[in-house]
Amino acid sequence: MNETTLARRRQVVERVLTGPGVSSTADRQAAFDNAGVDARAEALVTTIAQNAWKVTGTQVRSAVAAGLAEDAVFEVAVAAALGQATRQRASASAALDAVFGAADGGRR
């Protein structure tokens, strides 16, 4: 990845985690990290991290019924997806570096 793309990626992560929102920055960070997630959103965040395609409307409705605002559920879900994508990208880059070395200076 070139420097511009990396900078934009960092900006997106920063905005999602610390920008204004209904959910707390701590809740968004927990969802991003998939660790210490509010129990009301834990099943949803776990599904997003492990099998995003299996998220159901029932899981979303359960989080809302448990007391999370719909906007908070959305924010936590976005943070969880972005966190999982970040972890997968890091793993893929590490695997490519192991095979090919860091010949590109780590700009994946």
PDB file of N, CA and C in Angstrom:
ATOM      1  N   MET A   1       0.835  -1.174   0.000  1.00  0.00           N
ATOM      2  CA  MET A   1       0.000   0.000   0.000  1.00  0.00           C
ATOM      3  C   MET A   1       0.879   1.235   0.000  1.00  0.00           C
ATOM      4  N   ASN A   2       0.501   2.213  -0.761  1.00  0.00           N
ATOM      5  CA  ASN A   2       1.295   3.435  -0.781  1.00  0.00           C
ATOM      6  C   ASN A   2       0.981   4.291   0.448  1.00  0.00           C
ATOM      7  N   GLU A   3       1.785   5.306   0.655  1.00  0.00           N
ATOM      8  CA  GLU A   3       1.645   6.147   1.857  1.00  0.00           C
ATOM      9  C   GLU A   3       0.290   6.841   1.941  1.00  0.00           C
ATOM     10  N   THR A   4      -0.231   7.276   0.818  1.00  0.00           N
ATOM     11  CA  THR A   4      -1.531   7.945   0.811  1.00  0.00           C
ATOM     12  C   THR A   4      -2.624   6.990   1.278  1.00  0.00           C
ATOM     13  N   THR A   5      -2.595   5.774   0.770  1.00  0.00           N
ATOM     14  CA  THR A   5      -3.588   4.778   1.156  1.00  0.00           C
ATOM     15  C   THR A   5      -3.459   4.437   2.633  1.00  0.00           C
ATOM     16  N   LEU A   6      -2.238   4.273   3.106  1.00  0.00           N
ATOM     17  CA  LEU A   6      -2.031   3.985   4.529  1.00  0.00           C
ATOM     18  C   LEU A   6      -2.530   5.129   5.409  1.00  0.00           C
ATOM     19  N   ALA A   7      -2.272   6.350   4.992  1.00  0.00           N
ATOM     20  CA  ALA A   7      -2.728   7.510   5.760  1.00  0.00           C
ATOM     21  C   ALA A   7      -4.253   7.562   5.800  1.00  0.00           C
ATOM     22  N   ARG A   8      -4.889   7.292   4.683  1.00  0.00           N
ATOM     23  CA  ARG A   8      -6.358   7.280   4.655  1.00  0.00           C
ATOM     24  C   ARG A   8      -6.929   6.176   5.521  1.00  0.00           C
ATOM     25  N   ARG A   9      -6.278   5.025   5.505  1.00  0.00           N
ATOM     26  CA  ARG A   9      -6.722   3.904   6.338  1.00  0.00           C
ATOM     27  C   ARG A   9      -6.633   4.292   7.812  1.00  0.00           C
ATOM     28  N   ARG A  10      -5.528   4.908   8.203  1.00  0.00           N
ATOM     29  CA  ARG A  10      -5.372   5.354   9.592  1.00  0.00           C
ATOM     30  C   ARG A  10      -6.448   6.376   9.961  1.00  0.00           C
ATOM     31  N   GLN A  11      -6.766   7.271   9.034  1.00  0.00           N
ATOM     32  CA  GLN A  11      -7.805   8.272   9.293  1.00  0.00           C
ATOM     33  C   GLN A  11      -9.168   7.626   9.503  1.00  0.00           C
ATOM     34  N   VAL A  12      -9.483   6.625   8.704  1.00  0.00           N
ATOM     35  CA  VAL A  12     -10.762   5.924   8.866  1.00  0.00           C
ATOM     36  C   VAL A  12     -10.824   5.249  10.225  1.00  0.00           C
ATOM     37  N   VAL A  13      -9.771   4.542  10.590  1.00  0.00           N
ATOM     38  CA  VAL A  13      -9.740   3.864  11.884  1.00  0.00           C
ATOM     39  C   VAL A  13      -9.888   4.886  13.012  1.00  0.00           C
ATOM     40  N   GLU A  14      -9.144   5.969  12.927  1.00  0.00           N
ATOM     41  CA  GLU A  14      -9.220   7.008  13.956  1.00  0.00           C
ATOM     42  C   GLU A  14     -10.630   7.580  14.070  1.00  0.00           C
ATOM     43  N   ARG A  15     -11.239   7.875  12.939  1.00  0.00           N
ATOM     44  CA  ARG A  15     -12.589   8.453  12.942  1.00  0.00           C
ATOM     45  C   ARG A  15     -13.600   7.477  13.539  1.00  0.00           C
ATOM     46  N   VAL A  16     -13.519   6.207  13.138  1.00  0.00           N
ATOM     47  CA  VAL A  16     -14.461   5.209  13.648  1.00  0.00           C
ATOM     48  C   VAL A  16     -14.292   5.032  15.159  1.00  0.00           C
ATOM     49  N   LEU A  17     -13.056   5.003  15.614  1.00  0.00           N
ATOM     50  CA  LEU A  17     -12.814   4.723  17.031  1.00  0.00           C
ATOM     51  C   LEU A  17     -12.995   5.931  17.941  1.00  0.00           C
ATOM     52  N   THR A  18     -12.662   7.109  17.469  1.00  0.00           N
ATOM     53  CA  THR A  18     -12.673   8.266  18.381  1.00  0.00           C
ATOM     54  C   THR A  18     -13.557   9.411  17.929  1.00  0.00           C
ATOM     55  N   GLY A  19     -14.148   9.307  16.753  1.00  0.00           N
ATOM     56  CA  GLY A  19     -15.017  10.372  16.271  1.00  0.00           C
ATOM     57  C   GLY A  19     -16.306  10.430  17.065  1.00  0.00           C
ATOM     58  N   PRO A  20     -17.107  11.451  16.805  1.00  0.00           N
ATOM     59  CA  PRO A  20     -18.372  11.565  17.527  1.00  0.00           C
ATOM     60  C   PRO A  20     -19.271  10.372  17.228  1.00  0.00           C
ATOM     61  N   GLY A  21     -20.017   9.966  18.221  1.00  0.00           N
ATOM     62  CA  GLY A  21     -20.928   8.847  18.038  1.00  0.00           C
ATOM     63  C   GLY A  21     -21.832   8.669  19.231  1.00  0.00           C
ATOM     64  N   VAL A  22     -22.768   7.777  19.093  1.00  0.00           N
ATOM     65  CA  VAL A  22     -23.690   7.446  20.174  1.00  0.00           C
ATOM     66  C   VAL A  22     -23.008   6.503  21.162  1.00  0.00           C
ATOM     67  N   SER A  23     -22.253   5.558  20.643  1.00  0.00           N
ATOM     68  CA  SER A  23     -21.533   4.616  21.504  1.00  0.00           C
ATOM     69  C   SER A  23     -20.267   5.278  22.040  1.00  0.00           C
ATOM     70  N   SER A  24     -19.784   4.770  23.149  1.00  0.00           N
ATOM     71  CA  SER A  24     -18.562   5.336  23.732  1.00  0.00           C
ATOM     72  C   SER A  24     -17.347   4.899  22.922  1.00  0.00           C
ATOM     73  N   THR A  25     -16.295   5.688  23.030  1.00  0.00           N
ATOM     74  CA  THR A  25     -15.053   5.304  22.348  1.00  0.00           C
ATOM     75  C   THR A  25     -14.526   3.989  22.912  1.00  0.00           C
ATOM     76  N   ALA A  26     -14.751   3.758  24.198  1.00  0.00           N
ATOM     77  CA  ALA A  26     -14.311   2.498  24.809  1.00  0.00           C
ATOM     78  C   ALA A  26     -15.065   1.309  24.208  1.00  0.00           C
ATOM     79  N   ASP A  27     -16.370   1.469  23.978  1.00  0.00           N
ATOM     80  CA  ASP A  27     -17.148   0.384  23.369  1.00  0.00           C
ATOM     81  C   ASP A  27     -16.705   0.120  21.931  1.00  0.00           C
ATOM     82  N   ARG A  28     -16.429   1.186  21.190  1.00  0.00           N
ATOM     83  CA  ARG A  28     -15.969   1.011  19.812  1.00  0.00           C
ATOM     84  C   ARG A  28     -14.588   0.363  19.775  1.00  0.00           C
ATOM     85  N   GLN A  29     -13.701   0.779  20.690  1.00  0.00           N
ATOM     86  CA  GLN A  29     -12.366   0.183  20.740  1.00  0.00           C
ATOM     87  C   GLN A  29     -12.449  -1.296  21.111  1.00  0.00           C
ATOM     88  N   ALA A  30     -13.311  -1.636  22.068  1.00  0.00           N
ATOM     89  CA  ALA A  30     -13.486  -3.034  22.463  1.00  0.00           C
ATOM     90  C   ALA A  30     -13.987  -3.870  21.287  1.00  0.00           C
ATOM     91  N   ALA A  31     -14.933  -3.328  20.531  1.00  0.00           N
ATOM     92  CA  ALA A  31     -15.444  -4.046  19.362  1.00  0.00           C
ATOM     93  C   ALA A  31     -14.343  -4.198  18.313  1.00  0.00           C
ATOM     94  N   PHE A  32     -13.572  -3.143  18.087  1.00  0.00           N
ATOM     95  CA  PHE A  32     -12.456  -3.177  17.139  1.00  0.00           C
ATOM     96  C   PHE A  32     -11.467  -4.274  17.543  1.00  0.00           C
ATOM     97  N   ASP A  33     -11.156  -4.344  18.842  1.00  0.00           N
ATOM     98  CA  ASP A  33     -10.195  -5.327  19.362  1.00  0.00           C
ATOM     99  C   ASP A  33     -10.797  -6.713  19.546  1.00  0.00           C
ATOM    100  N   ASN A  34     -12.126  -6.801  19.517  1.00  0.00           N
ATOM    101  CA  ASN A  34     -12.854  -8.036  19.821  1.00  0.00           C
ATOM    102  C   ASN A  34     -12.430  -8.567  21.187  1.00  0.00           C
ATOM    103  N   ALA A  35     -12.398  -7.657  22.147  1.00  0.00           N
ATOM    104  CA  ALA A  35     -12.004  -8.010  23.512  1.00  0.00           C
ATOM    105  C   ALA A  35     -12.682  -7.051  24.492  1.00  0.00           C
ATOM    106  N   GLY A  36     -13.289  -7.602  25.520  1.00  0.00           N
ATOM    107  CA  GLY A  36     -13.931  -6.766  26.517  1.00  0.00           C
ATOM    108  C   GLY A  36     -15.188  -6.076  26.015  1.00  0.00           C
ATOM    109  N   VAL A  37     -15.877  -6.705  25.086  1.00  0.00           N
ATOM    110  CA  VAL A  37     -17.063  -6.125  24.460  1.00  0.00           C
ATOM    111  C   VAL A  37     -18.236  -6.140  25.439  1.00  0.00           C
ATOM    112  N   ASP A  38     -19.017  -5.065  25.413  1.00  0.00           N
ATOM    113  CA  ASP A  38     -20.244  -4.972  26.203  1.00  0.00           C
ATOM    114  C   ASP A  38     -21.068  -6.236  25.958  1.00  0.00           C
ATOM    115  N   ALA A  39     -21.526  -6.864  27.017  1.00  0.00           N
ATOM    116  CA  ALA A  39     -22.266  -8.127  26.906  1.00  0.00           C
ATOM    117  C   ALA A  39     -23.475  -8.009  25.983  1.00  0.00           C
ATOM    118  N   ARG A  40     -24.057  -6.821  25.903  1.00  0.00           N
ATOM    119  CA  ARG A  40     -25.240  -6.633  25.055  1.00  0.00           C
ATOM    120  C   ARG A  40     -24.916  -6.756  23.569  1.00  0.00           C
ATOM    121  N   ALA A  41     -23.669  -6.562  23.202  1.00  0.00           N
ATOM    122  CA  ALA A  41     -23.266  -6.629  21.793  1.00  0.00           C
ATOM    123  C   ALA A  41     -22.279  -7.754  21.527  1.00  0.00           C
ATOM    124  N   GLU A  42     -21.957  -8.523  22.523  1.00  0.00           N
ATOM    125  CA  GLU A  42     -20.899  -9.525  22.390  1.00  0.00           C
ATOM    126  C   GLU A  42     -21.177 -10.565  21.301  1.00  0.00           C
ATOM    127  N   ALA A  43     -22.389 -11.100  21.251  1.00  0.00           N
ATOM    128  CA  ALA A  43     -22.698 -12.115  20.241  1.00  0.00           C
ATOM    129  C   ALA A  43     -22.578 -11.536  18.837  1.00  0.00           C
ATOM    130  N   LEU A  44     -23.049 -10.322  18.658  1.00  0.00           N
ATOM    131  CA  LEU A  44     -22.965  -9.665  17.356  1.00  0.00           C
ATOM    132  C   LEU A  44     -21.513  -9.435  16.953  1.00  0.00           C
ATOM    133  N   VAL A  45     -20.711  -8.898  17.852  1.00  0.00           N
ATOM    134  CA  VAL A  45     -19.307  -8.608  17.557  1.00  0.00           C
ATOM    135  C   VAL A  45     -18.535  -9.895  17.278  1.00  0.00           C
ATOM    136  N   THR A  46     -18.802 -10.934  18.051  1.00  0.00           N
ATOM    137  CA  THR A  46     -18.125 -12.212  17.833  1.00  0.00           C
ATOM    138  C   THR A  46     -18.472 -12.776  16.454  1.00  0.00           C
ATOM    139  N   THR A  47     -19.735 -12.695  16.089  1.00  0.00           N
ATOM    140  CA  THR A  47     -20.141 -13.182  14.766  1.00  0.00           C
ATOM    141  C   THR A  47     -19.471 -12.378  13.660  1.00  0.00           C
ATOM    142  N   ILE A  48     -19.415 -11.072  13.818  1.00  0.00           N
ATOM    143  CA  ILE A  48     -18.757 -10.233  12.813  1.00  0.00           C
ATOM    144  C   ILE A  48     -17.298 -10.638  12.673  1.00  0.00           C
ATOM    145  N   ALA A  49     -16.624 -10.866  13.782  1.00  0.00           N
ATOM    146  CA  ALA A  49     -15.198 -11.205  13.747  1.00  0.00           C
ATOM    147  C   ALA A  49     -14.945 -12.606  13.193  1.00  0.00           C
ATOM    148  N   GLN A  50     -15.860 -13.520  13.441  1.00  0.00           N
ATOM    149  CA  GLN A  50     -15.600 -14.903  13.031  1.00  0.00           C
ATOM    150  C   GLN A  50     -16.264 -15.295  11.714  1.00  0.00           C
ATOM    151  N   ASN A  51     -17.482 -14.842  11.518  1.00  0.00           N
ATOM    152  CA  ASN A  51     -18.264 -15.233  10.342  1.00  0.00           C
ATOM    153  C   ASN A  51     -19.234 -14.115   9.990  1.00  0.00           C
ATOM    154  N   ALA A  52     -18.737 -13.028   9.475  1.00  0.00           N
ATOM    155  CA  ALA A  52     -19.567 -11.848   9.247  1.00  0.00           C
ATOM    156  C   ALA A  52     -20.811 -12.147   8.409  1.00  0.00           C
ATOM    157  N   TRP A  53     -20.709 -13.063   7.493  1.00  0.00           N
ATOM    158  CA  TRP A  53     -21.832 -13.384   6.617  1.00  0.00           C
ATOM    159  C   TRP A  53     -22.973 -14.067   7.371  1.00  0.00           C
ATOM    160  N   LYS A  54     -22.741 -14.451   8.631  1.00  0.00           N
ATOM    161  CA  LYS A  54     -23.768 -15.124   9.418  1.00  0.00           C
ATOM    162  C   LYS A  54     -24.516 -14.182  10.362  1.00  0.00           C
ATOM    163  N   VAL A  55     -24.215 -12.898  10.299  1.00  0.00           N
ATOM    164  CA  VAL A  55     -24.934 -11.940  11.142  1.00  0.00           C
ATOM    165  C   VAL A  55     -26.403 -11.962  10.751  1.00  0.00           C
ATOM    166  N   THR A  56     -27.252 -11.975  11.768  1.00  0.00           N
ATOM    167  CA  THR A  56     -28.694 -12.009  11.513  1.00  0.00           C
ATOM    168  C   THR A  56     -29.375 -10.773  12.089  1.00  0.00           C
ATOM    169  N   GLY A  57     -30.531 -10.507  11.567  1.00  0.00           N
ATOM    170  CA  GLY A  57     -31.351  -9.436  12.104  1.00  0.00           C
ATOM    171  C   GLY A  57     -31.699  -9.701  13.555  1.00  0.00           C
ATOM    172  N   THR A  58     -31.822 -10.953  13.914  1.00  0.00           N
ATOM    173  CA  THR A  58     -32.125 -11.315  15.301  1.00  0.00           C
ATOM    174  C   THR A  58     -31.009 -10.855  16.236  1.00  0.00           C
ATOM    175  N   GLN A  59     -29.767 -11.003  15.823  1.00  0.00           N
ATOM    176  CA  GLN A  59     -28.655 -10.544  16.659  1.00  0.00           C
ATOM    177  C   GLN A  59     -28.692  -9.030  16.831  1.00  0.00           C
ATOM    178  N   VAL A  60     -28.988  -8.331  15.776  1.00  0.00           N
ATOM    179  CA  VAL A  60     -29.069  -6.873  15.849  1.00  0.00           C
ATOM    180  C   VAL A  60     -30.235  -6.475  16.750  1.00  0.00           C
ATOM    181  N   ARG A  61     -31.384  -7.084  16.548  1.00  0.00           N
ATOM    182  CA  ARG A  61     -32.548  -6.769  17.380  1.00  0.00           C
ATOM    183  C   ARG A  61     -32.303  -7.119  18.841  1.00  0.00           C
ATOM    184  N   SER A  62     -31.571  -8.185  19.099  1.00  0.00           N
ATOM    185  CA  SER A  62     -31.252  -8.572  20.481  1.00  0.00           C
ATOM    186  C   SER A  62     -30.398  -7.517  21.167  1.00  0.00           C
ATOM    187  N   ALA A  63     -29.438  -6.967  20.447  1.00  0.00           N
ATOM    188  CA  ALA A  63     -28.587  -5.915  21.018  1.00  0.00           C
ATOM    189  C   ALA A  63     -29.426  -4.674  21.331  1.00  0.00           C
ATOM    190  N   VAL A  64     -30.351  -4.344  20.442  1.00  0.00           N
ATOM    191  CA  VAL A  64     -31.234  -3.194  20.680  1.00  0.00           C
ATOM    192  C   VAL A  64     -32.172  -3.493  21.849  1.00  0.00           C
ATOM    193  N   ALA A  65     -32.732  -4.684  21.874  1.00  0.00           N
ATOM    194  CA  ALA A  65     -33.636  -5.062  22.963  1.00  0.00           C
ATOM    195  C   ALA A  65     -32.917  -5.074  24.307  1.00  0.00           C
ATOM    196  N   ALA A  66     -31.620  -5.336  24.290  1.00  0.00           N
ATOM    197  CA  ALA A  66     -30.830  -5.363  25.525  1.00  0.00           C
ATOM    198  C   ALA A  66     -30.492  -3.962  26.014  1.00  0.00           C
ATOM    199  N   GLY A  67     -30.833  -2.948  25.210  1.00  0.00           N
ATOM    200  CA  GLY A  67     -30.641  -1.584  25.674  1.00  0.00           C
ATOM    201  C   GLY A  67     -29.701  -0.721  24.870  1.00  0.00           C
ATOM    202  N   LEU A  68     -29.112  -1.247  23.808  1.00  0.00           N
ATOM    203  CA  LEU A  68     -28.243  -0.421  22.966  1.00  0.00           C
ATOM    204  C   LEU A  68     -29.088   0.331  21.944  1.00  0.00           C
ATOM    205  N   ALA A  69     -28.755   1.572  21.724  1.00  0.00           N
ATOM    206  CA  ALA A  69     -29.429   2.345  20.694  1.00  0.00           C
ATOM    207  C   ALA A  69     -29.072   1.773  19.324  1.00  0.00           C
ATOM    208  N   GLU A  70     -29.976   1.898  18.363  1.00  0.00           N
ATOM    209  CA  GLU A  70     -29.701   1.382  17.019  1.00  0.00           C
ATOM    210  C   GLU A  70     -28.426   1.978  16.447  1.00  0.00           C
ATOM    211  N   ASP A  71     -28.215   3.273  16.652  1.00  0.00           N
ATOM    212  CA  ASP A  71     -26.991   3.907  16.146  1.00  0.00           C
ATOM    213  C   ASP A  71     -25.754   3.327  16.822  1.00  0.00           C
ATOM    214  N   ALA A  72     -25.859   3.022  18.113  1.00  0.00           N
ATOM    215  CA  ALA A  72     -24.727   2.431  18.830  1.00  0.00           C
ATOM    216  C   ALA A  72     -24.414   1.043  18.280  1.00  0.00           C
ATOM    217  N   VAL A  73     -25.440   0.280  17.980  1.00  0.00           N
ATOM    218  CA  VAL A  73     -25.238  -1.056  17.398  1.00  0.00           C
ATOM    219  C   VAL A  73     -24.520  -0.928  16.062  1.00  0.00           C
ATOM    220  N   PHE A  74     -24.946   0.024  15.253  1.00  0.00           N
ATOM    221  CA  PHE A  74     -24.287   0.250  13.956  1.00  0.00           C
ATOM    222  C   PHE A  74     -22.817   0.616  14.154  1.00  0.00           C
ATOM    223  N   GLU A  75     -22.542   1.542  15.057  1.00  0.00           N
ATOM    224  CA  GLU A  75     -21.163   1.989  15.283  1.00  0.00           C
ATOM    225  C   GLU A  75     -20.275   0.853  15.771  1.00  0.00           C
ATOM    226  N   VAL A  76     -20.795   0.048  16.681  1.00  0.00           N
ATOM    227  CA  VAL A  76     -20.031  -1.083  17.213  1.00  0.00           C
ATOM    228  C   VAL A  76     -19.800  -2.122  16.113  1.00  0.00           C
ATOM    229  N   ALA A  77     -20.798  -2.347  15.280  1.00  0.00           N
ATOM    230  CA  ALA A  77     -20.652  -3.311  14.187  1.00  0.00           C
ATOM    231  C   ALA A  77     -19.597  -2.845  13.188  1.00  0.00           C
ATOM    232  N   VAL A  78     -19.597  -1.561  12.858  1.00  0.00           N
ATOM    233  CA  VAL A  78     -18.582  -1.026  11.939  1.00  0.00           C
ATOM    234  C   VAL A  78     -17.190  -1.166  12.556  1.00  0.00           C
ATOM    235  N   ALA A  79     -17.062  -0.842  13.834  1.00  0.00           N
ATOM    236  CA  ALA A  79     -15.763  -0.960  14.513  1.00  0.00           C
ATOM    237  C   ALA A  79     -15.296  -2.415  14.532  1.00  0.00           C
ATOM    238  N   ALA A  80     -16.218  -3.338  14.782  1.00  0.00           N
ATOM    239  CA  ALA A  80     -15.858  -4.762  14.804  1.00  0.00           C
ATOM    240  C   ALA A  80     -15.382  -5.230  13.430  1.00  0.00           C
ATOM    241  N   ALA A  81     -16.088  -4.822  12.384  1.00  0.00           N
ATOM    242  CA  ALA A  81     -15.705  -5.223  11.027  1.00  0.00           C
ATOM    243  C   ALA A  81     -14.354  -4.629  10.639  1.00  0.00           C
ATOM    244  N   LEU A  82     -14.149  -3.371  10.983  1.00  0.00           N
ATOM    245  CA  LEU A  82     -12.884  -2.713  10.667  1.00  0.00           C
ATOM    246  C   LEU A  82     -11.727  -3.354  11.439  1.00  0.00           C
ATOM    247  N   GLY A  83     -11.973  -3.701  12.684  1.00  0.00           N
ATOM    248  CA  GLY A  83     -10.941  -4.377  13.483  1.00  0.00           C
ATOM    249  C   GLY A  83     -10.570  -5.726  12.896  1.00  0.00           C
ATOM    250  N   GLN A  84     -11.578  -6.493  12.511  1.00  0.00           N
ATOM    251  CA  GLN A  84     -11.299  -7.811  11.929  1.00  0.00           C
ATOM    252  C   GLN A  84     -10.569  -7.669  10.604  1.00  0.00           C
ATOM    253  N   ALA A  85     -10.967  -6.708   9.791  1.00  0.00           N
ATOM    254  CA  ALA A  85     -10.276  -6.476   8.517  1.00  0.00           C
ATOM    255  C   ALA A  85      -8.821  -6.083   8.754  1.00  0.00           C
ATOM    256  N   THR A  86      -8.591  -5.286   9.769  1.00  0.00           N
ATOM    257  CA  THR A  86      -7.229  -4.865  10.105  1.00  0.00           C
ATOM    258  C   THR A  86      -6.383  -6.062  10.523  1.00  0.00           C
ATOM    259  N   ARG A  87      -6.952  -6.930  11.352  1.00  0.00           N
ATOM    260  CA  ARG A  87      -6.216  -8.130  11.779  1.00  0.00           C
ATOM    261  C   ARG A  87      -5.937  -9.056  10.592  1.00  0.00           C
ATOM    262  N   GLN A  88      -6.914  -9.224   9.719  1.00  0.00           N
ATOM    263  CA  GLN A  88      -6.714 -10.103   8.559  1.00  0.00           C
ATOM    264  C   GLN A  88      -5.665  -9.527   7.608  1.00  0.00           C
ATOM    265  N   ARG A  89      -5.687  -8.234   7.417  1.00  0.00           N
ATOM    266  CA  ARG A  89      -4.692  -7.589   6.557  1.00  0.00           C
ATOM    267  C   ARG A  89      -3.295  -7.757   7.136  1.00  0.00           C
ATOM    268  N   ALA A  90      -3.161  -7.579   8.446  1.00  0.00           N
ATOM    269  CA  ALA A  90      -1.854  -7.737   9.093  1.00  0.00           C
ATOM    270  C   ALA A  90      -1.354  -9.176   8.953  1.00  0.00           C
ATOM    271  N   SER A  91      -2.244 -10.140   9.116  1.00  0.00           N
ATOM    272  CA  SER A  91      -1.855 -11.549   8.962  1.00  0.00           C
ATOM    273  C   SER A  91      -1.428 -11.857   7.536  1.00  0.00           C
ATOM    274  N   ALA A  92      -2.175 -11.332   6.575  1.00  0.00           N
ATOM    275  CA  ALA A  92      -1.831 -11.563   5.170  1.00  0.00           C
ATOM    276  C   ALA A  92      -0.486 -10.931   4.833  1.00  0.00           C
ATOM    277  N   SER A  93      -0.259  -9.713   5.313  1.00  0.00           N
ATOM    278  CA  SER A  93       1.024  -9.045   5.057  1.00  0.00           C
ATOM    279  C   SER A  93       2.180  -9.813   5.678  1.00  0.00           C
ATOM    280  N   ALA A  94       1.970 -10.312   6.895  1.00  0.00           N
ATOM    281  CA  ALA A  94       3.019 -11.086   7.560  1.00  0.00           C
ATOM    282  C   ALA A  94       3.319 -12.371   6.782  1.00  0.00           C
ATOM    283  N   ALA A  95       2.288 -13.021   6.268  1.00  0.00           N
ATOM    284  CA  ALA A  95       2.498 -14.244   5.491  1.00  0.00           C
ATOM    285  C   ALA A  95       3.256 -13.945   4.202  1.00  0.00           C
ATOM    286  N   LEU A  96       2.882 -12.866   3.533  1.00  0.00           N
ATOM    287  CA  LEU A  96       3.592 -12.492   2.305  1.00  0.00           C
ATOM    288  C   LEU A  96       5.041 -12.120   2.603  1.00  0.00           C
ATOM    289  N   ASP A  97       5.271 -11.407   3.701  1.00  0.00           N
ATOM    290  CA  ASP A  97       6.641 -11.058   4.079  1.00  0.00           C
ATOM    291  C   ASP A  97       7.458 -12.303   4.394  1.00  0.00           C
ATOM    292  N   ALA A  98       6.834 -13.297   5.007  1.00  0.00           N
ATOM    293  CA  ALA A  98       7.535 -14.535   5.334  1.00  0.00           C
ATOM    294  C   ALA A  98       7.964 -15.279   4.065  1.00  0.00           C
ATOM    295  N   VAL A  99       7.138 -15.218   3.061  1.00  0.00           N
ATOM    296  CA  VAL A  99       7.431 -15.920   1.811  1.00  0.00           C
ATOM    297  C   VAL A  99       8.370 -15.113   0.906  1.00  0.00           C
ATOM    298  N   PHE A 100       8.063 -13.840   0.755  1.00  0.00           N
ATOM    299  CA  PHE A 100       8.791 -13.021  -0.213  1.00  0.00           C
ATOM    300  C   PHE A 100       9.759 -12.030   0.415  1.00  0.00           C
ATOM    301  N   GLY A 101       9.705 -11.884   1.726  1.00  0.00           N
ATOM    302  CA  GLY A 101      10.517 -10.883   2.389  1.00  0.00           C
ATOM    303  C   GLY A 101       9.854  -9.526   2.272  1.00  0.00           C
ATOM    304  N   ALA A 102      10.415  -8.581   2.950  1.00  0.00           N
ATOM    305  CA  ALA A 102       9.839  -7.235   2.964  1.00  0.00           C
ATOM    306  C   ALA A 102      10.471  -6.383   1.859  1.00  0.00           C
ATOM    307  N   ALA A 103      10.543  -6.937   0.664  1.00  0.00           N
ATOM    308  CA  ALA A 103      11.207  -6.253  -0.451  1.00  0.00           C
ATOM    309  C   ALA A 103      10.539  -4.934  -0.811  1.00  0.00           C
ATOM    310  N   ASP A 104       9.276  -4.799  -0.482  1.00  0.00           N
ATOM    311  CA  ASP A 104       8.583  -3.561  -0.840  1.00  0.00           C
ATOM    312  C   ASP A 104       8.623  -2.531   0.288  1.00  0.00           C
ATOM    313  N   GLY A 105       9.421  -2.792   1.290  1.00  0.00           N
ATOM    314  CA  GLY A 105       9.534  -1.845   2.397  1.00  0.00           C
ATOM    315  C   GLY A 105       8.322  -1.854   3.309  1.00  0.00           C
ATOM    316  N   GLY A 106       7.528  -2.924   3.297  1.00  0.00           N
ATOM    317  CA  GLY A 106       6.361  -3.003   4.157  1.00  0.00           C
ATOM    318  C   GLY A 106       5.193  -2.151   3.708  1.00  0.00           C
ATOM    319  N   ARG A 107       5.120  -1.828   2.437  1.00  0.00           N
ATOM    320  CA  ARG A 107       4.051  -0.931   1.945  1.00  0.00           C
ATOM    321  C   ARG A 107       2.844  -1.693   1.438  1.00  0.00           C
ATOM    322  N   ARG A 108       2.527  -2.795   2.023  1.00  0.00           N
ATOM    323  CA  ARG A 108       1.322  -3.519   1.614  1.00  0.00           C
ATOM    324  C   ARG A 108       0.128  -2.910   2.246  1.00  0.00           C
TER     325      ARG A 108
END
